[in-house]
Amino acid sequence: MSLVLVTGGTGHLGRDLVDHLVQAGHPVRVFARSRQARADVEWAIGDLATGQGLRAALNGVQTVINAATHSPIARRGSFRPIDFFKSPSAVDVEGTARLLAFSHDAGVQHLLHVSIVGLDGATLPYARVKLAGEQLVRQSRVSWSVVRAMPFHYLIWDLLAGMSALPVWPIPRATFNPVDTSDVSDYLVRCAFDGGRGMRAEIGGPDDLSLVEIARQFQAARSLRRAILPVPLSDRAARGMGFVVSQGVRGTRSWADWLKQASAQRRSAA
């Protein structure tokens, strides 16, 4: 089993990814800004945005899975006006460039980069930043592959939870298929070690759902009653905002199933 370095290993996707790698028997080193409690992995402390600790973290590594990203929208679980004008690039562009260069120097055999479905037609600044980082990978001298994934269930939950106080929810008329991080993690582990390279099949959730239906199911799970105002969107505008349906591998956990588990965990915690 080759040593795997995971960047972004403490995020929602990263934690699931590390779990899947460990369960498959791979030795894992997590590159993070601070050490966490788990003792079944190595910890390499540093910062992808600055490069601190990155060269040392790559010592002896054969495979890199780059799951690091900096999305202010995901971190706060809501949109702000600034998100429609700019998004930070220190991790997703400059950090990716640095990771590629150092990986080449270290003799890394495979770098798997996690990206987002629908970037080519997207207009939001974060999507443009993600596309710039992906393009660096595709031009790299390192042996690379890219997996694009749909938005994750937890992010949809957070964004809708942020609207809970509103009496009326404006919801775009669009269809997409959010995906579970566990399904993405399982697919990433397969792609990392099956010998494939280049642009891999993208991954999304099992069901194509309207955003209005997604919001209704969320309200039912949270016992909320809010008026939903469907907002018409052209196909072009929907693609620009990232509302697309993936054309590739499908995960197994539906939005409805994920909601049941999340709601049960919330009740248990309460």
Protein backbone atom coordinates (compact mmCIF):
# COMPACT_ATOMS: atom_id res chain seq x y z
CA MET A 1 0.00 0.00 0.00
CA SER A 2 1.40 3.39 -1.02
CA LEU A 3 1.48 6.34 1.35
CA VAL A 4 -1.34 8.76 0.55
CA LEU A 5 -1.24 12.47 1.37
CA VAL A 6 -4.69 14.04 1.75
CA THR A 7 -5.06 17.81 1.63
CA GLY A 8 -8.33 19.14 3.00
CA GLY A 9 -8.51 16.04 5.18
CA THR A 10 -10.28 17.81 8.06
CA GLY A 11 -13.22 19.09 6.01
CA HIS A 12 -16.58 17.38 5.48
CA LEU A 13 -15.42 15.49 2.41
CA GLY A 14 -11.89 15.05 3.74
CA ARG A 15 -12.97 13.29 6.93
CA ASP A 16 -15.05 10.78 4.97
CA LEU A 17 -12.22 10.34 2.48
CA VAL A 18 -9.67 9.61 5.20
CA ASP A 19 -12.09 7.10 6.75
CA HIS A 20 -12.45 5.27 3.43
CA LEU A 21 -8.69 5.21 2.83
CA VAL A 22 -7.95 3.86 6.31
CA GLN A 23 -10.69 1.23 6.00
CA ALA A 24 -9.14 0.12 2.69
CA GLY A 25 -5.80 -0.36 4.45
CA HIS A 26 -3.89 2.59 2.98
CA PRO A 27 -1.38 4.45 5.15
CA VAL A 28 -2.59 8.05 5.26
CA ARG A 29 -0.90 11.35 6.02
CA VAL A 30 -3.21 14.34 6.48
CA PHE A 31 -1.89 17.80 5.63
CA ALA A 32 -3.70 20.29 7.86
CA ARG A 33 -3.17 23.51 9.78
CA SER A 34 -3.69 21.73 13.10
CA ARG A 35 -3.64 18.18 14.43
CA GLN A 36 -6.93 16.50 15.28
CA ALA A 37 -7.78 13.68 17.65
CA ARG A 38 -7.59 10.63 15.41
CA ALA A 39 -4.45 8.53 15.85
CA ASP A 40 -4.84 6.14 12.90
CA VAL A 41 -3.21 8.58 10.46
CA GLU A 42 -0.03 10.62 10.29
CA TRP A 43 -0.36 14.38 10.68
CA ALA A 44 1.68 16.88 8.67
CA ILE A 45 1.11 20.39 9.94
CA GLY A 46 1.19 23.25 7.45
CA ASP A 47 -0.86 25.51 5.22
CA LEU A 48 -1.54 25.03 1.52
CA ALA A 49 -2.28 28.75 1.14
CA THR A 50 1.27 29.68 2.16
CA GLY A 51 3.16 26.46 1.42
CA GLN A 52 4.35 26.16 5.00
CA GLY A 53 5.23 22.51 5.76
CA LEU A 54 4.23 21.26 2.32
CA ARG A 55 7.60 19.98 1.07
CA ALA A 56 8.12 17.95 4.24
CA ALA A 57 4.58 16.59 4.03
CA LEU A 58 5.32 15.11 0.60
CA ASN A 59 8.36 13.10 1.71
CA GLY A 60 7.82 9.44 0.80
CA VAL A 61 4.36 10.06 -0.67
CA GLN A 62 3.32 8.16 -3.79
CA THR A 63 -0.29 9.37 -4.10
CA VAL A 64 -1.82 12.79 -3.36
CA ILE A 65 -5.56 13.43 -3.13
CA ASN A 66 -6.18 17.16 -3.21
CA ALA A 67 -9.52 17.75 -1.49
CA ALA A 68 -8.56 21.20 -0.15
CA THR A 69 -10.64 24.22 -1.06
CA HIS A 70 -11.59 27.59 0.37
CA SER A 71 -15.25 28.39 -0.21
CA PRO A 72 -16.53 31.24 1.98
CA ILE A 73 -20.08 30.26 1.03
CA ALA A 74 -19.61 26.72 2.33
CA ARG A 75 -17.81 27.86 5.47
CA ARG A 76 -20.55 30.23 6.55
CA GLY A 77 -23.46 28.32 4.98
CA SER A 78 -24.88 31.39 3.26
CA PHE A 79 -24.37 33.80 0.39
CA ARG A 80 -23.26 37.39 0.79
CA PRO A 81 -23.13 40.09 -1.90
CA ILE A 82 -19.31 39.83 -2.04
CA ASP A 83 -19.66 36.21 -3.24
CA PHE A 84 -21.00 37.47 -6.57
CA PHE A 85 -17.92 39.62 -7.18
CA LYS A 86 -14.85 37.76 -5.88
CA SER A 87 -13.62 34.62 -4.15
CA PRO A 88 -10.22 33.94 -2.53
CA SER A 89 -7.75 31.95 -4.65
CA ALA A 90 -4.85 31.34 -2.22
CA VAL A 91 -5.81 27.69 -1.67
CA ASP A 92 -7.52 26.68 -4.91
CA VAL A 93 -5.16 28.35 -7.39
CA GLU A 94 -1.86 29.39 -5.80
CA GLY A 95 -1.99 26.47 -3.36
CA THR A 96 -2.75 24.00 -6.14
CA ALA A 97 0.12 25.35 -8.25
CA ARG A 98 2.48 24.96 -5.30
CA LEU A 99 1.22 21.45 -4.57
CA LEU A 100 1.79 20.41 -8.19
CA ALA A 101 5.31 21.81 -8.29
CA PHE A 102 6.34 20.24 -4.98
CA SER A 103 4.70 16.93 -5.93
CA HIS A 104 6.74 16.85 -9.14
CA ASP A 105 9.92 17.52 -7.20
CA ALA A 106 9.03 14.78 -4.70
CA GLY A 107 8.39 12.17 -7.40
CA VAL A 108 4.70 11.73 -6.62
CA GLN A 109 3.25 9.04 -8.90
CA HIS A 110 -0.37 10.23 -8.99
CA LEU A 111 -2.18 13.40 -7.97
CA LEU A 112 -5.98 13.17 -7.84
CA HIS A 113 -7.70 16.55 -7.78
CA VAL A 114 -11.27 17.05 -6.55
CA SER A 115 -13.25 19.56 -8.59
CA ILE A 116 -16.88 20.57 -9.24
CA VAL A 117 -19.40 19.54 -11.90
CA GLY A 118 -20.46 22.26 -14.34
CA LEU A 119 -17.48 24.60 -14.04
CA ASP A 120 -17.19 25.28 -17.77
CA GLY A 121 -20.42 27.27 -17.92
CA ALA A 122 -20.39 28.66 -14.38
CA THR A 123 -20.13 32.40 -13.70
CA LEU A 124 -19.85 32.65 -9.91
CA PRO A 125 -16.36 33.77 -8.79
CA TYR A 126 -15.78 30.65 -6.68
CA ALA A 127 -16.50 28.46 -9.70
CA ARG A 128 -14.05 30.47 -11.81
CA VAL A 129 -11.40 30.02 -9.12
CA LYS A 130 -12.04 26.27 -9.01
CA LEU A 131 -11.79 26.07 -12.80
CA ALA A 132 -8.46 27.92 -12.76
CA GLY A 133 -7.09 25.43 -10.23
CA GLU A 134 -8.37 22.47 -12.24
CA GLN A 135 -6.74 23.82 -15.40
CA LEU A 136 -3.39 23.96 -13.59
CA VAL A 137 -3.74 20.28 -12.77
CA ARG A 138 -4.60 19.40 -16.36
CA GLN A 139 -1.48 21.21 -17.60
CA SER A 140 0.80 19.68 -14.96
CA ARG A 141 3.84 17.46 -15.50
CA VAL A 142 2.67 15.29 -12.58
CA SER A 143 0.65 12.19 -13.48
CA TRP A 144 -2.83 13.49 -12.68
CA SER A 145 -6.53 12.79 -12.65
CA VAL A 146 -9.55 14.98 -11.90
CA VAL A 147 -12.90 14.02 -10.41
CA ARG A 148 -15.71 16.54 -10.58
CA ALA A 149 -18.45 16.16 -7.95
CA MET A 150 -21.86 17.73 -7.49
CA PRO A 151 -22.56 19.94 -4.42
CA PHE A 152 -22.76 17.98 -1.18
CA HIS A 153 -25.90 17.29 0.84
CA TYR A 154 -24.53 18.99 3.96
CA LEU A 155 -24.01 22.23 2.03
CA ILE A 156 -27.59 22.23 0.76
CA TRP A 157 -28.75 21.67 4.36
CA ASP A 158 -26.64 24.58 5.62
CA LEU A 159 -27.84 26.96 2.90
CA LEU A 160 -31.50 26.12 3.50
CA ALA A 161 -31.06 26.25 7.28
CA GLY A 162 -29.77 29.79 6.84
CA MET A 163 -33.15 30.73 5.36
CA SER A 164 -35.18 29.29 8.25
CA ALA A 165 -36.13 32.66 9.71
CA LEU A 166 -37.52 33.96 6.41
CA PRO A 167 -41.31 33.76 6.03
CA VAL A 168 -40.96 33.33 2.23
CA TRP A 169 -38.21 31.36 0.52
CA PRO A 170 -37.30 32.43 -3.03
CA ILE A 171 -36.13 29.20 -4.68
CA PRO A 172 -34.81 29.05 -8.27
CA ARG A 173 -36.66 26.82 -10.72
CA ALA A 174 -33.80 24.49 -11.52
CA THR A 175 -32.92 20.81 -11.29
CA PHE A 176 -29.76 19.17 -9.99
CA ASN A 177 -28.57 16.11 -8.08
CA PRO A 178 -26.57 16.82 -4.91
CA VAL A 179 -24.40 13.99 -3.63
CA ASP A 180 -23.33 12.43 -0.34
CA THR A 181 -19.70 12.94 0.72
CA SER A 182 -19.43 9.24 1.61
CA ASP A 183 -20.37 8.26 -1.96
CA VAL A 184 -17.81 10.71 -3.35
CA SER A 185 -15.13 9.41 -0.98
CA ASP A 186 -15.72 5.81 -2.03
CA TYR A 187 -15.42 6.82 -5.68
CA LEU A 188 -12.27 8.88 -5.07
CA VAL A 189 -10.51 5.94 -3.42
CA ARG A 190 -11.34 3.76 -6.42
CA CYS A 191 -10.11 6.40 -8.86
CA ALA A 192 -6.89 6.93 -6.92
CA PHE A 193 -5.76 3.34 -7.29
CA ASP A 194 -7.43 1.82 -10.37
CA GLY A 195 -4.71 3.02 -12.75
CA GLY A 196 -6.92 5.55 -14.56
CA ARG A 197 -5.67 9.03 -15.36
CA GLY A 198 -7.01 12.26 -16.83
CA MET A 199 -10.58 13.49 -16.55
CA ARG A 200 -12.57 10.79 -14.78
CA ALA A 201 -16.34 10.40 -14.87
CA GLU A 202 -18.02 12.99 -12.69
CA ILE A 203 -20.17 11.94 -9.73
CA GLY A 204 -23.57 13.10 -8.53
CA GLY A 205 -26.42 11.89 -6.39
CA PRO A 206 -28.90 9.21 -7.49
CA ASP A 207 -31.92 11.49 -8.00
CA ASP A 208 -32.57 14.49 -10.24
CA LEU A 209 -34.58 16.88 -8.07
CA SER A 210 -35.98 20.35 -8.48
CA LEU A 211 -34.67 22.85 -5.97
CA VAL A 212 -38.27 23.49 -4.96
CA GLU A 213 -38.71 19.80 -4.05
CA ILE A 214 -35.37 19.81 -2.22
CA ALA A 215 -36.57 22.78 -0.16
CA ARG A 216 -39.94 21.14 0.55
CA GLN A 217 -38.28 17.94 1.79
CA PHE A 218 -35.96 19.99 3.99
CA GLN A 219 -38.90 21.87 5.52
CA ALA A 220 -40.72 18.60 6.21
CA ALA A 221 -37.62 17.14 7.87
CA ARG A 222 -37.24 20.23 10.04
CA SER A 223 -41.00 20.59 10.74
CA LEU A 224 -40.95 24.05 9.14
CA ARG A 225 -43.79 25.77 7.33
CA ARG A 226 -42.54 28.50 5.03
CA ALA A 227 -43.98 29.74 1.78
CA ILE A 228 -41.83 28.79 -1.21
CA LEU A 229 -41.67 31.25 -4.09
CA PRO A 230 -40.34 29.54 -7.24
CA VAL A 231 -38.10 31.93 -9.18
CA PRO A 232 -37.88 31.35 -12.95
CA LEU A 233 -34.37 30.83 -14.34
CA SER A 234 -33.24 30.44 -17.92
CA ASP A 235 -31.12 27.37 -18.71
CA ARG A 236 -28.11 29.63 -19.19
CA ALA A 237 -28.62 31.37 -15.86
CA ALA A 238 -29.08 28.02 -14.09
CA ARG A 239 -25.82 26.69 -15.55
CA GLY A 240 -24.08 29.90 -14.58
CA MET A 241 -25.11 29.36 -10.97
CA GLY A 242 -24.01 25.72 -11.03
CA PHE A 243 -27.49 24.20 -11.21
CA VAL A 244 -26.79 21.27 -13.53
CA VAL A 245 -27.36 17.52 -13.53
CA SER A 246 -24.20 15.43 -13.55
CA GLN A 247 -23.59 12.99 -16.40
CA GLY A 248 -21.50 10.20 -14.94
CA VAL A 249 -21.31 7.99 -11.88
CA ARG A 250 -24.27 8.09 -9.49
CA GLY A 251 -24.00 7.76 -5.73
CA THR A 252 -26.40 5.60 -3.74
CA ARG A 253 -27.57 7.84 -0.89
CA SER A 254 -30.47 10.07 -1.85
CA TRP A 255 -31.25 13.51 -0.48
CA ALA A 256 -34.29 12.05 1.31
CA ASP A 257 -32.21 9.33 2.98
CA TRP A 258 -29.54 11.81 3.98
CA LEU A 259 -32.20 14.11 5.45
CA LYS A 260 -33.58 11.28 7.59
CA GLN A 261 -30.17 10.55 9.05
CA ALA A 262 -29.31 14.22 9.61
CA SER A 263 -32.66 14.86 11.28
CA ALA A 264 -32.26 11.81 13.53
CA GLN A 265 -28.77 12.97 14.57
CA ARG A 266 -30.12 16.43 15.29
CA ARG A 267 -32.91 15.03 17.51
CA SER A 268 -30.43 12.78 19.30
CA ALA A 269 -28.10 15.71 19.97
CA ALA A 270 -30.99 17.78 21.28
